[in-house]
Amino acid sequence: MADKASYRTGIRARGISATNISDTDLDSIIDEALYEFSRWSPIITHRTFETITDQQRYSWAEMGDADGVAVLLCIWNPGATGDVWDLARTMATLGIPRDGGYWHLPSQEMIDQIKAAAWAANYGGSGRQIDSEGGELWLDPTPDESASVVQIIYTKRHTAVTTIPDTARDMFLDLVDSMCADWIANEIDVKGVGSRVRTPEYEIEIADQVARWDRRADTKRSSFVEKAGAGKVACGRT
């Protein structure tokens, strides 16, 4: 996994110099880009936590990860304590029966949803978020005892560039490149407006510079979006 200095070097290699944007400002943009990158390519992970008697709603702090955002899959067995992984392996055997066989669908998310429904029908325990952007998890049914083990697969935010996989390096650089171009265009525009030299030739030069950086920002942003979308298709998610 690359560190911030490596990404700074990558941006410089793309032709955005320290004259265009300082290291300090570039580092700030890299940090800001993490939040936008997390919307398109979050960390997907899993964990378990235990129920509390008569408590239906669980915050991310109670689930054990303050950086969690969206629950993709939640399974648990009401009344059961202990290792939920054995139950999860049972869930993995649940398919989509048809004429003695099973469908294999292209969307992993659809398969997850169907298996979660099959789990709920067989074992009873599921969960959902009212607000998917970091909202609480609601267990169904409400636990009537403590220590039932809940397993969740979920997305979480990137809080450091070192969590970005090497395969997504170029995609993240496209996003940072786009944000840098936006920043540079704005700086040129602000300085142009504040300048005392306002000849027609100067106005045209400033407008051309801003337009070039705006085009770069749009191009790199589109490249980032396309690569993020291609990544989801590649891993079977839509």
Protein backbone atom coordinates (compact mmCIF):
# COMPACT_ATOMS: atom_id res chain seq x y z
CA MET A 1 0.00 0.00 0.00
CA ALA A 2 1.35 3.42 -0.98
CA ASP A 3 1.79 6.28 1.50
CA LYS A 4 0.97 9.95 1.03
CA ALA A 5 4.46 10.80 -0.21
CA SER A 6 4.08 8.22 -2.96
CA TYR A 7 0.80 9.76 -4.12
CA ARG A 8 2.35 13.21 -4.00
CA THR A 9 5.15 11.93 -6.25
CA GLY A 10 2.54 10.41 -8.57
CA ILE A 11 0.76 13.75 -8.97
CA ARG A 12 4.04 15.55 -9.65
CA ALA A 13 4.85 12.95 -12.31
CA ARG A 14 1.56 13.85 -14.01
CA GLY A 15 2.81 17.40 -14.54
CA ILE A 16 1.24 19.25 -11.61
CA SER A 17 4.26 21.04 -10.16
CA ALA A 18 4.89 22.72 -6.82
CA THR A 19 4.46 25.99 -8.72
CA ASN A 20 0.90 24.96 -9.56
CA ILE A 21 0.10 23.76 -6.05
CA SER A 22 2.26 23.51 -2.93
CA ASP A 23 3.01 20.26 -1.09
CA THR A 24 0.93 21.49 1.86
CA ASP A 25 -2.13 22.20 -0.27
CA LEU A 26 -1.63 18.96 -2.21
CA ASP A 27 -1.55 16.97 1.04
CA SER A 28 -4.81 18.64 2.11
CA ILE A 29 -6.45 17.68 -1.20
CA ILE A 30 -5.24 14.07 -0.83
CA ASP A 31 -6.84 13.92 2.63
CA GLU A 32 -10.07 15.42 1.30
CA ALA A 33 -10.11 12.98 -1.63
CA LEU A 34 -10.30 10.05 0.80
CA TYR A 35 -13.91 10.91 1.66
CA GLU A 36 -14.99 11.06 -1.98
CA PHE A 37 -13.00 7.92 -2.82
CA SER A 38 -14.80 6.08 -0.02
CA ARG A 39 -18.16 6.78 -1.69
CA TRP A 40 -17.08 4.99 -4.85
CA SER A 41 -14.68 2.36 -3.54
CA PRO A 42 -15.16 1.76 0.20
CA ILE A 43 -13.42 -0.83 2.33
CA ILE A 44 -15.56 -3.98 2.52
CA THR A 45 -15.01 -6.02 5.67
CA HIS A 46 -16.81 -8.08 8.31
CA ARG A 47 -17.03 -8.44 12.06
CA THR A 48 -19.26 -9.88 14.79
CA PHE A 49 -20.86 -8.35 17.86
CA GLU A 50 -23.21 -9.62 20.55
CA THR A 51 -26.84 -8.75 21.17
CA ILE A 52 -28.13 -6.99 24.28
CA THR A 53 -31.39 -8.15 25.82
CA ASP A 54 -34.40 -6.25 24.45
CA GLN A 55 -32.20 -3.87 22.43
CA GLN A 56 -33.17 -3.64 18.77
CA ARG A 57 -31.01 -0.70 17.57
CA TYR A 58 -27.19 -0.75 17.55
CA SER A 59 -24.84 2.13 16.78
CA TRP A 60 -21.56 1.65 14.96
CA ALA A 61 -19.73 2.16 18.24
CA GLU A 62 -21.74 -0.73 19.72
CA MET A 63 -21.00 -2.83 16.64
CA GLY A 64 -17.30 -2.09 17.11
CA ASP A 65 -16.29 0.11 14.16
CA ALA A 66 -16.84 3.87 14.27
CA ASP A 67 -15.83 4.13 10.59
CA GLY A 68 -18.59 1.80 9.38
CA VAL A 69 -21.04 3.18 6.82
CA ALA A 70 -23.39 0.64 5.21
CA VAL A 71 -24.33 -2.89 6.24
CA LEU A 72 -24.34 -5.17 3.19
CA LEU A 73 -25.38 -8.36 4.97
CA CYS A 74 -26.52 -9.13 8.52
CA ILE A 75 -27.20 -12.61 9.88
CA TRP A 76 -27.76 -13.98 13.36
CA ASN A 77 -29.67 -16.79 15.02
CA PRO A 78 -32.13 -15.65 17.71
CA GLY A 79 -31.62 -17.69 20.85
CA ALA A 80 -28.25 -19.04 19.72
CA THR A 81 -24.92 -18.15 21.31
CA GLY A 82 -21.39 -19.03 20.31
CA ASP A 83 -19.70 -19.26 16.93
CA VAL A 84 -21.78 -17.64 14.19
CA TRP A 85 -19.23 -18.69 11.56
CA ASP A 86 -20.61 -22.25 11.53
CA LEU A 87 -24.01 -20.74 10.82
CA ALA A 88 -22.49 -18.54 8.13
CA ARG A 89 -21.05 -21.58 6.41
CA THR A 90 -24.53 -23.08 6.45
CA MET A 91 -25.85 -19.91 4.82
CA ALA A 92 -23.27 -20.30 2.06
CA THR A 93 -24.90 -23.57 1.05
CA LEU A 94 -28.28 -21.91 0.56
CA GLY A 95 -28.78 -21.29 -3.14
CA ILE A 96 -31.63 -20.44 -5.47
CA PRO A 97 -33.41 -23.74 -6.20
CA ARG A 98 -35.00 -24.30 -9.59
CA ASP A 99 -35.85 -27.69 -11.11
CA GLY A 100 -33.44 -29.44 -8.81
CA GLY A 101 -30.56 -27.10 -9.64
CA TYR A 102 -29.46 -23.59 -8.79
CA TRP A 103 -29.31 -20.31 -10.62
CA HIS A 104 -25.96 -18.52 -10.77
CA LEU A 105 -26.63 -14.81 -11.10
CA PRO A 106 -24.15 -12.16 -12.29
CA SER A 107 -24.77 -9.78 -9.41
CA GLN A 108 -23.10 -10.74 -6.14
CA GLU A 109 -25.28 -8.23 -4.32
CA MET A 110 -28.43 -9.96 -5.59
CA ILE A 111 -27.08 -13.34 -4.47
CA ASP A 112 -26.28 -11.87 -1.04
CA GLN A 113 -29.81 -10.49 -0.71
CA ILE A 114 -31.43 -13.78 -1.67
CA LYS A 115 -29.22 -15.74 0.71
CA ALA A 116 -29.99 -13.27 3.49
CA ALA A 117 -33.72 -13.81 2.88
CA ALA A 118 -33.16 -17.58 2.94
CA TRP A 119 -31.21 -17.21 6.17
CA ALA A 120 -34.03 -15.21 7.77
CA ALA A 121 -36.54 -17.88 6.72
CA ASN A 122 -34.42 -20.70 8.16
CA TYR A 123 -32.88 -19.11 11.24
CA GLY A 124 -34.92 -15.99 11.86
CA GLY A 125 -32.26 -13.31 12.42
CA SER A 126 -31.64 -10.40 10.06
CA GLY A 127 -30.91 -6.68 10.24
CA ARG A 128 -31.42 -3.47 8.31
CA GLN A 129 -30.38 0.16 8.34
CA ILE A 130 -32.93 2.95 8.32
CA ASP A 131 -30.26 5.43 7.22
CA SER A 132 -27.59 3.73 5.10
CA GLU A 133 -25.09 6.56 5.53
CA GLY A 134 -23.67 5.43 8.84
CA GLY A 135 -27.06 4.86 10.43
CA GLU A 136 -27.95 2.46 13.23
CA LEU A 137 -28.54 -1.23 12.58
CA TRP A 138 -31.99 -2.54 13.53
CA LEU A 139 -32.13 -6.24 14.35
CA ASP A 140 -35.21 -8.26 13.45
CA PRO A 141 -36.62 -9.71 15.63
CA THR A 142 -35.68 -7.72 18.73
CA PRO A 143 -33.25 -9.90 20.75
CA ASP A 144 -34.85 -11.32 23.87
CA GLU A 145 -31.50 -12.30 25.39
CA SER A 146 -27.88 -11.22 25.42
CA ALA A 147 -24.86 -12.81 23.75
CA SER A 148 -26.45 -13.95 20.48
CA VAL A 149 -23.66 -13.42 17.95
CA VAL A 150 -24.45 -11.16 14.99
CA GLN A 151 -22.29 -11.26 11.87
CA ILE A 152 -22.21 -8.26 9.53
CA ILE A 153 -20.51 -7.62 6.20
CA TYR A 154 -20.25 -3.87 5.71
CA THR A 155 -18.51 -0.94 4.07
CA LYS A 156 -16.28 1.52 5.89
CA ARG A 157 -14.46 4.73 5.03
CA HIS A 158 -10.81 5.06 4.09
CA THR A 159 -9.15 7.21 6.76
CA ALA A 160 -5.61 6.96 5.34
CA VAL A 161 -4.21 6.42 1.85
CA THR A 162 -2.41 3.32 3.11
CA THR A 163 -5.73 1.42 3.04
CA ILE A 164 -6.16 2.02 -0.70
CA PRO A 165 -5.21 -1.17 -2.57
CA ASP A 166 -2.38 -0.92 -5.08
CA THR A 167 -4.80 -1.92 -7.85
CA ALA A 168 -6.74 1.32 -7.19
CA ARG A 169 -3.68 3.60 -7.15
CA ASP A 170 -4.24 5.03 -10.65
CA MET A 171 -7.95 5.52 -9.95
CA PHE A 172 -7.21 7.48 -6.77
CA LEU A 173 -4.60 9.58 -8.60
CA ASP A 174 -7.26 10.47 -11.20
CA LEU A 175 -9.52 11.74 -8.42
CA VAL A 176 -6.73 13.77 -6.77
CA ASP A 177 -5.65 15.07 -10.20
CA SER A 178 -9.19 16.29 -10.87
CA MET A 179 -9.47 17.99 -7.47
CA CYS A 180 -6.06 19.64 -7.95
CA ALA A 181 -7.11 20.97 -11.36
CA ASP A 182 -10.29 22.43 -9.81
CA TRP A 183 -8.21 24.06 -7.07
CA ILE A 184 -5.68 25.51 -9.53
CA ALA A 185 -8.42 26.88 -11.83
CA ASN A 186 -10.07 28.60 -8.87
CA GLU A 187 -6.75 30.10 -7.70
CA ILE A 188 -6.00 31.47 -11.17
CA ASP A 189 -9.50 32.93 -11.43
CA VAL A 190 -9.31 34.59 -8.00
CA LYS A 191 -5.88 36.09 -8.69
CA GLY A 192 -7.08 37.32 -12.08
CA VAL A 193 -10.08 39.07 -10.58
CA GLY A 194 -7.90 40.71 -7.93
CA SER A 195 -5.19 41.87 -10.33
CA ARG A 196 -4.79 45.54 -11.14
CA VAL A 197 -3.65 44.62 -14.66
CA ARG A 198 -6.94 44.20 -16.53
CA THR A 199 -6.04 44.56 -20.22
CA PRO A 200 -8.13 42.57 -22.73
CA GLU A 201 -5.08 40.41 -23.50
CA TYR A 202 -4.64 39.62 -19.80
CA GLU A 203 -8.33 38.74 -19.45
CA ILE A 204 -8.09 36.35 -22.41
CA GLU A 205 -4.94 34.72 -21.02
CA ILE A 206 -6.56 34.15 -17.61
CA ALA A 207 -9.73 32.76 -19.21
CA ASP A 208 -7.67 30.35 -21.32
CA GLN A 209 -5.72 29.10 -18.31
CA VAL A 210 -8.89 28.55 -16.28
CA ALA A 211 -10.54 26.75 -19.20
CA ARG A 212 -7.56 24.39 -19.63
CA TRP A 213 -7.57 23.40 -15.97
CA ASP A 214 -11.36 23.04 -15.95
CA ARG A 215 -11.14 20.65 -18.92
CA ARG A 216 -8.47 18.65 -17.12
CA ALA A 217 -10.61 18.49 -13.98
CA ASP A 218 -13.60 17.19 -15.97
CA THR A 219 -11.50 14.66 -17.90
CA LYS A 220 -9.79 13.21 -14.82
CA ARG A 221 -13.07 13.12 -12.90
CA SER A 222 -14.71 11.16 -15.71
CA SER A 223 -11.76 8.77 -15.80
CA PHE A 224 -12.08 8.20 -12.05
CA VAL A 225 -15.81 7.48 -12.29
CA GLU A 226 -15.32 5.08 -15.21
CA LYS A 227 -12.59 3.14 -13.41
CA ALA A 228 -14.64 2.93 -10.21
CA GLY A 229 -17.61 1.59 -12.17
CA ALA A 230 -15.45 -0.92 -14.03
CA GLY A 231 -14.08 -2.17 -10.72
CA LYS A 232 -17.59 -2.92 -9.41
CA VAL A 233 -18.47 -4.86 -12.53
CA ALA A 234 -15.22 -6.81 -12.33
CA CYS A 235 -16.00 -8.04 -8.81
CA GLY A 236 -19.60 -8.98 -9.71
CA ARG A 237 -21.37 -6.04 -8.04
CA THR A 238 -23.81 -3.65 -9.65
